[in-house]
Amino acid sequence: MIELQGVTKRYDKTIAVDGIDYRFQPGKLTGFLGPNGAGKSTTIRMIMNIIAPDAGRITAGGAPLSEAFRNRLGYLPEERGLYKKMKVIDHLIFFGSLKGLARGEARRRSQAWLERLGLAERAQSKVEDLSKGMQQKIQFAGTLLHEPELVLLDEPFSGLDPLNVDAFKEVLLGLKAKGCTLIFSTHMMEQAEQICDEIALIDKGRLVLAGTLPALQASFGRSNLRVRFAGDGALLREDPRVAAYSEPTPGLAELRLVDAGLVSAVLRDWSARLAIDHFEVMVPTLHNIFIQTVTAGGAAQPEGATWTR
């Protein structure tokens, strides 16, 4: 378990991370999300023990982070970090040696990963001769070669086709089953929805929302509506009880109320003045939750979710 307790990091007058408390649990894949500049990268660097917090502490299994801890984690960066002129097999052996594997063991594991990822025939190829997707596979294998207990993934599916995305997901699910702690950072909310057990959303350096996706959806879903009607949608759009409104097609509105407790009242009022033939409470996507939370600055607090702002 990786636990952050009051973790804070400042750069001059800027507070990049502001008092985060959170536990990343073993056997769970946590989506660590947030807009650009929210403090995600700084937090990840502190978890990796590359930089130290100015206040608070980070522990792994209850113990302070140490140099030896780095060999127990695997990190897949968003940017390519490969030497283009190096052969694929040599690159993986090099990755393994950096994590303390003997050369023979590193070679054995490298070959096994190349087989698993369908790259066995490219073992002697230079990195520069591989496609972007193949290079991502090499980075992925290098991240997991030493069988880490903690895996941090930054946009792991970048450059992959759907078949290889599924192959990566299968590997991650296998790691979960073995009790690995997985932290997944992405801007693709659909991907996080599909594989994450927990969601932790950071904004302006603070952890503003955390919980399981079903709990978050249930909390936010009571105020999100879809309404199909005949007539002028201005009645819905201009209602002060409506916080957000869109009309994807004429006569079909998707909207959010300022308060979930208003659902019955707005249905009664709108039905009296508008021909409504469909009215439903929508289950919001993670994308909806992300946008609503960030644009609202964490001001509203849904039931069933953990808020720290």
Protein backbone atom coordinates (compact mmCIF):
# COMPACT_ATOMS: atom_id res chain seq x y z
CA MET A 1 0.00 0.00 0.00
CA ILE A 2 1.21 3.48 -0.90
CA GLU A 3 -0.07 6.09 1.53
CA LEU A 4 0.16 9.88 1.19
CA GLN A 5 -0.35 11.87 4.38
CA GLY A 6 -0.63 15.65 4.09
CA VAL A 7 1.75 15.66 1.11
CA THR A 8 2.64 19.16 -0.06
CA LYS A 9 5.13 20.43 -2.65
CA ARG A 10 5.95 24.05 -3.45
CA TYR A 11 7.94 25.64 -6.27
CA ASP A 12 8.78 29.20 -5.25
CA LYS A 13 5.36 30.75 -4.54
CA THR A 14 3.41 28.08 -6.40
CA ILE A 15 1.83 25.22 -4.45
CA ALA A 16 1.96 22.30 -6.89
CA VAL A 17 0.56 19.73 -4.44
CA ASP A 18 -1.50 20.88 -1.50
CA GLY A 19 -1.95 18.54 1.46
CA ILE A 20 -2.98 15.34 -0.29
CA ASP A 21 -4.15 12.40 1.83
CA TYR A 22 -4.76 9.17 -0.07
CA ARG A 23 -4.10 5.42 0.01
CA PHE A 24 -3.31 3.47 -3.17
CA GLN A 25 -4.36 -0.06 -2.31
CA PRO A 26 -2.67 -3.31 -3.42
CA GLY A 27 -4.71 -5.33 -5.88
CA LYS A 28 -6.44 -2.16 -7.10
CA LEU A 29 -6.02 -0.12 -10.27
CA THR A 30 -6.52 3.53 -9.38
CA GLY A 31 -7.18 6.16 -12.01
CA PHE A 32 -5.17 9.21 -10.93
CA LEU A 33 -6.80 11.94 -12.98
CA GLY A 34 -6.81 15.70 -13.34
CA PRO A 35 -6.51 18.57 -15.82
CA ASN A 36 -3.15 19.75 -17.13
CA GLY A 37 -1.13 21.42 -14.38
CA ALA A 38 -3.20 19.87 -11.60
CA GLY A 39 -0.17 18.39 -9.81
CA LYS A 40 -0.35 14.78 -11.03
CA SER A 41 3.21 14.59 -12.37
CA THR A 42 4.65 16.19 -9.24
CA THR A 43 2.77 13.70 -7.07
CA ILE A 44 3.98 10.77 -9.17
CA ARG A 45 7.59 11.99 -8.91
CA MET A 46 7.24 12.11 -5.14
CA ILE A 47 5.79 8.60 -5.03
CA MET A 48 8.77 7.46 -7.11
CA ASN A 49 11.08 9.11 -4.55
CA ILE A 50 12.65 11.31 -7.22
CA ILE A 51 11.70 14.48 -5.36
CA ALA A 52 10.76 14.85 -1.70
CA PRO A 53 7.64 16.56 -0.35
CA ASP A 54 8.08 19.83 1.51
CA ALA A 55 5.51 18.69 4.06
CA GLY A 56 3.74 15.44 4.89
CA ARG A 57 5.05 11.98 4.15
CA ILE A 58 4.71 9.05 1.75
CA THR A 59 5.04 5.46 2.93
CA ALA A 60 5.16 2.09 1.17
CA GLY A 61 3.72 -0.70 3.28
CA GLY A 62 4.01 1.57 6.29
CA ALA A 63 7.73 2.24 5.79
CA PRO A 64 9.33 5.48 4.57
CA LEU A 65 10.44 5.53 0.93
CA SER A 66 14.05 4.52 0.33
CA GLU A 67 16.51 4.08 -2.53
CA ALA A 68 15.82 0.34 -2.47
CA PHE A 69 12.12 1.07 -2.96
CA ARG A 70 12.80 2.25 -6.53
CA ASN A 71 13.64 -1.31 -7.56
CA ARG A 72 10.18 -2.38 -6.39
CA LEU A 73 8.35 -0.02 -8.73
CA GLY A 74 7.86 0.17 -12.46
CA TYR A 75 7.18 3.41 -14.32
CA LEU A 76 5.83 3.79 -17.84
CA PRO A 77 6.20 7.44 -18.91
CA GLU A 78 4.02 9.08 -21.55
CA GLU A 79 7.10 10.14 -23.51
CA ARG A 80 9.25 7.61 -25.36
CA GLY A 81 12.43 6.89 -23.39
CA LEU A 82 14.22 4.51 -25.72
CA TYR A 83 17.64 4.59 -27.39
CA LYS A 84 16.88 4.48 -31.10
CA LYS A 85 20.09 2.76 -32.24
CA MET A 86 19.89 0.01 -29.63
CA LYS A 87 18.58 -3.47 -30.44
CA VAL A 88 15.28 -4.42 -28.83
CA ILE A 89 16.62 -7.38 -26.82
CA ASP A 90 19.64 -5.36 -25.63
CA HIS A 91 17.34 -2.55 -24.57
CA LEU A 92 15.22 -4.83 -22.41
CA ILE A 93 18.28 -6.48 -20.87
CA PHE A 94 19.57 -3.00 -20.06
CA PHE A 95 16.25 -2.11 -18.39
CA GLY A 96 16.46 -5.30 -16.34
CA SER A 97 20.02 -4.61 -15.23
CA LEU A 98 18.99 -1.14 -14.01
CA LYS A 99 16.54 -2.88 -11.67
CA GLY A 100 19.13 -5.33 -10.33
CA LEU A 101 18.51 -8.38 -12.53
CA ALA A 102 21.47 -10.55 -13.52
CA ARG A 103 22.12 -10.45 -17.28
CA GLY A 104 21.03 -14.05 -17.86
CA GLU A 105 17.79 -13.59 -15.96
CA ALA A 106 17.14 -10.28 -17.71
CA ARG A 107 17.58 -11.99 -21.09
CA ARG A 108 15.23 -14.83 -20.16
CA ARG A 109 12.51 -12.46 -19.00
CA SER A 110 13.02 -10.19 -22.01
CA GLN A 111 12.52 -13.04 -24.43
CA ALA A 112 9.41 -14.16 -22.56
CA TRP A 113 7.91 -10.67 -22.77
CA LEU A 114 8.72 -10.36 -26.47
CA GLU A 115 6.91 -13.65 -27.06
CA ARG A 116 3.92 -12.50 -25.03
CA LEU A 117 3.66 -9.16 -26.85
CA GLY A 118 4.16 -10.66 -30.33
CA LEU A 119 7.59 -9.13 -30.90
CA ALA A 120 9.85 -12.19 -30.71
CA GLU A 121 10.88 -11.82 -34.35
CA ARG A 122 11.94 -8.20 -33.72
CA ALA A 123 14.40 -9.01 -30.92
CA GLN A 124 17.42 -8.08 -33.08
CA SER A 125 15.77 -5.03 -34.67
CA LYS A 126 16.86 -1.54 -33.78
CA VAL A 127 14.34 0.53 -31.85
CA GLU A 128 14.23 3.14 -34.62
CA ASP A 129 12.92 0.49 -37.04
CA LEU A 130 9.83 -0.16 -34.94
CA SER A 131 6.44 1.52 -35.20
CA LYS A 132 5.24 3.77 -32.38
CA GLY A 133 2.98 1.01 -31.14
CA MET A 134 5.84 -1.50 -31.09
CA GLN A 135 8.03 0.96 -29.21
CA GLN A 136 5.27 1.37 -26.63
CA LYS A 137 5.24 -2.41 -26.21
CA ILE A 138 8.99 -2.34 -25.54
CA GLN A 139 8.54 0.34 -22.89
CA PHE A 140 5.68 -1.63 -21.36
CA ALA A 141 7.79 -4.80 -21.16
CA GLY A 142 10.69 -2.84 -19.68
CA THR A 143 8.38 -1.42 -17.03
CA LEU A 144 7.29 -4.87 -15.86
CA LEU A 145 10.44 -6.92 -16.49
CA HIS A 146 11.55 -6.92 -12.84
CA GLU A 147 8.08 -7.85 -11.53
CA PRO A 148 7.44 -4.62 -9.59
CA GLU A 149 5.05 -4.35 -6.63
CA LEU A 150 3.98 -0.84 -7.64
CA VAL A 151 3.33 0.15 -11.27
CA LEU A 152 2.77 3.74 -12.41
CA LEU A 153 1.37 4.13 -15.91
CA ASP A 154 1.18 7.47 -17.72
CA GLU A 155 -1.00 7.19 -20.86
CA PRO A 156 -0.04 3.51 -21.35
CA PHE A 157 -2.25 2.98 -24.41
CA SER A 158 -0.71 5.79 -26.46
CA GLY A 159 -0.04 4.69 -30.05
CA LEU A 160 -1.69 1.27 -29.67
CA ASP A 161 -4.35 -0.27 -31.89
CA PRO A 162 -7.48 -1.79 -30.25
CA LEU A 163 -6.04 -5.33 -30.24
CA ASN A 164 -2.92 -4.24 -28.37
CA VAL A 165 -4.95 -2.07 -25.99
CA ASP A 166 -6.84 -5.22 -25.04
CA ALA A 167 -3.55 -7.12 -24.65
CA PHE A 168 -2.21 -4.44 -22.28
CA LYS A 169 -5.45 -4.48 -20.28
CA GLU A 170 -5.17 -8.26 -19.91
CA VAL A 171 -1.66 -7.85 -18.47
CA LEU A 172 -2.82 -5.17 -16.03
CA LEU A 173 -5.71 -7.33 -14.84
CA GLY A 174 -3.23 -10.14 -14.24
CA LEU A 175 -1.05 -7.84 -12.15
CA LYS A 176 -4.09 -6.80 -10.11
CA ALA A 177 -4.90 -10.43 -9.42
CA LYS A 178 -1.37 -10.89 -8.04
CA GLY A 179 -1.85 -8.00 -5.58
CA CYS A 180 0.16 -5.37 -7.45
CA THR A 181 -0.60 -1.70 -6.72
CA LEU A 182 -1.38 0.09 -9.99
CA ILE A 183 -1.66 3.84 -10.59
CA PHE A 184 -3.02 4.85 -13.98
CA SER A 185 -2.83 8.44 -15.24
CA THR A 186 -4.70 9.33 -18.41
CA HIS A 187 -6.76 12.00 -20.16
CA MET A 188 -8.90 9.31 -21.83
CA MET A 189 -11.84 8.97 -19.45
CA GLU A 190 -13.35 6.01 -21.35
CA GLN A 191 -10.20 3.98 -20.74
CA ALA A 192 -10.22 4.80 -17.03
CA GLU A 193 -13.90 3.83 -16.87
CA GLN A 194 -13.18 0.43 -18.34
CA ILE A 195 -10.33 -0.73 -16.12
CA CYS A 196 -10.10 1.33 -12.92
CA ASP A 197 -11.34 0.14 -9.53
CA GLU A 198 -10.90 3.53 -7.87
CA ILE A 199 -10.84 7.10 -9.13
CA ALA A 200 -8.77 9.88 -7.52
CA LEU A 201 -9.27 13.30 -9.09
CA ILE A 202 -6.77 16.07 -8.39
CA ASP A 203 -7.31 19.75 -9.27
CA LYS A 204 -5.14 22.77 -8.42
CA GLY A 205 -2.92 20.54 -6.29
CA ARG A 206 -5.73 19.16 -4.14
CA LEU A 207 -7.48 15.84 -4.12
CA VAL A 208 -11.07 16.94 -4.79
CA LEU A 209 -12.87 13.66 -5.39
CA ALA A 210 -12.20 9.97 -4.76
CA GLY A 211 -14.16 6.74 -4.74
CA THR A 212 -15.27 3.80 -6.82
CA LEU A 213 -16.78 4.63 -10.20
CA PRO A 214 -20.22 3.14 -9.36
CA ALA A 215 -20.39 5.24 -6.18
CA LEU A 216 -19.41 8.40 -8.04
CA GLN A 217 -21.88 7.73 -10.85
CA ALA A 218 -24.69 7.08 -8.38
CA SER A 219 -23.90 10.34 -6.59
CA PHE A 220 -23.73 12.53 -9.67
CA GLY A 221 -26.41 10.70 -11.63
CA ARG A 222 -29.40 11.99 -9.67
CA SER A 223 -29.06 15.48 -11.14
CA ASN A 224 -28.32 14.56 -14.77
CA LEU A 225 -31.38 14.27 -16.99
CA ARG A 226 -32.29 13.40 -20.57
CA VAL A 227 -35.58 14.86 -21.81
CA ARG A 228 -37.30 14.34 -25.17
CA PHE A 229 -40.00 16.92 -25.89
CA ALA A 230 -42.02 18.70 -28.56
CA GLY A 231 -41.96 22.48 -28.56
CA ASP A 232 -39.57 25.24 -27.52
CA GLY A 233 -36.63 24.04 -25.41
CA ALA A 234 -36.17 27.56 -24.00
CA LEU A 235 -38.40 26.56 -21.09
CA LEU A 236 -35.80 24.00 -19.99
CA ARG A 237 -32.73 25.97 -21.03
CA GLU A 238 -33.73 29.15 -19.18
CA ASP A 239 -34.97 27.45 -16.02
CA PRO A 240 -32.77 28.73 -13.12
CA ARG A 241 -32.82 25.21 -11.68
CA VAL A 242 -30.78 24.00 -14.68
CA ALA A 243 -27.00 24.30 -14.18
CA ALA A 244 -25.94 22.97 -17.61
CA TYR A 245 -27.89 22.38 -20.82
CA SER A 246 -27.23 20.90 -24.23
CA GLU A 247 -29.52 19.86 -27.07
CA PRO A 248 -27.66 17.24 -29.18
CA THR A 249 -30.62 17.05 -31.58
CA PRO A 250 -33.77 19.18 -31.79
CA GLY A 251 -36.23 18.03 -29.18
CA LEU A 252 -33.70 16.05 -27.14
CA ALA A 253 -32.08 17.80 -24.17
CA GLU A 254 -29.33 16.63 -21.83
CA LEU A 255 -29.07 18.76 -18.73
CA ARG A 256 -27.89 18.95 -15.15
CA LEU A 257 -29.89 20.37 -12.27
CA VAL A 258 -28.38 22.52 -9.54
CA ASP A 259 -29.84 20.09 -6.98
CA ALA A 260 -30.78 16.43 -7.42
CA GLY A 261 -33.74 16.96 -5.09
CA LEU A 262 -35.47 19.04 -7.80
CA VAL A 263 -36.12 16.15 -10.20
CA SER A 264 -39.78 15.61 -9.27
CA ALA A 265 -40.54 19.33 -9.22
CA VAL A 266 -39.07 20.09 -12.65
CA LEU A 267 -40.84 17.10 -14.20
CA ARG A 268 -44.16 18.34 -12.83
CA ASP A 269 -43.57 21.95 -13.92
CA TRP A 270 -42.23 21.15 -17.38
CA SER A 271 -44.93 18.60 -18.14
CA ALA A 272 -47.59 21.25 -17.49
CA ARG A 273 -46.14 23.53 -20.17
CA LEU A 274 -44.37 21.21 -22.61
CA ALA A 275 -45.19 17.93 -24.36
CA ILE A 276 -42.66 15.51 -22.83
CA ASP A 277 -42.61 11.91 -24.09
CA HIS A 278 -39.35 10.76 -22.43
CA PHE A 279 -37.74 11.74 -19.14
CA GLU A 280 -34.84 9.85 -17.51
CA VAL A 281 -32.19 10.29 -14.88
CA MET A 282 -28.88 9.64 -16.66
CA VAL A 283 -25.92 7.69 -15.32
CA PRO A 284 -23.05 10.11 -15.94
CA THR A 285 -19.86 9.01 -17.61
CA LEU A 286 -16.50 9.58 -15.97
CA HIS A 287 -16.02 12.34 -18.55
CA ASN A 288 -19.18 14.07 -17.23
CA ILE A 289 -17.99 13.72 -13.63
CA PHE A 290 -14.52 15.04 -14.51
CA ILE A 291 -15.86 18.12 -16.33
CA GLN A 292 -18.48 18.88 -13.69
CA THR A 293 -16.03 18.56 -10.80
CA VAL A 294 -13.22 20.58 -12.36
CA THR A 295 -15.43 23.39 -13.72
CA ALA A 296 -17.26 23.63 -10.39
CA GLY A 297 -13.97 23.70 -8.49
CA GLY A 298 -15.20 20.94 -6.19
CA ALA A 299 -17.83 23.24 -4.71
CA ALA A 300 -20.73 20.77 -4.77
CA GLN A 301 -20.58 17.62 -2.68
CA PRO A 302 -22.48 14.54 -3.96
CA GLU A 303 -23.56 11.87 -1.51
CA GLY A 304 -21.55 8.66 -1.44
CA ALA A 305 -18.32 10.22 -2.68
CA THR A 306 -15.29 11.31 -0.71
CA TRP A 307 -14.46 15.01 -0.97
CA THR A 308 -11.43 16.64 0.57
CA ARG A 309 -11.74 20.23 -0.52
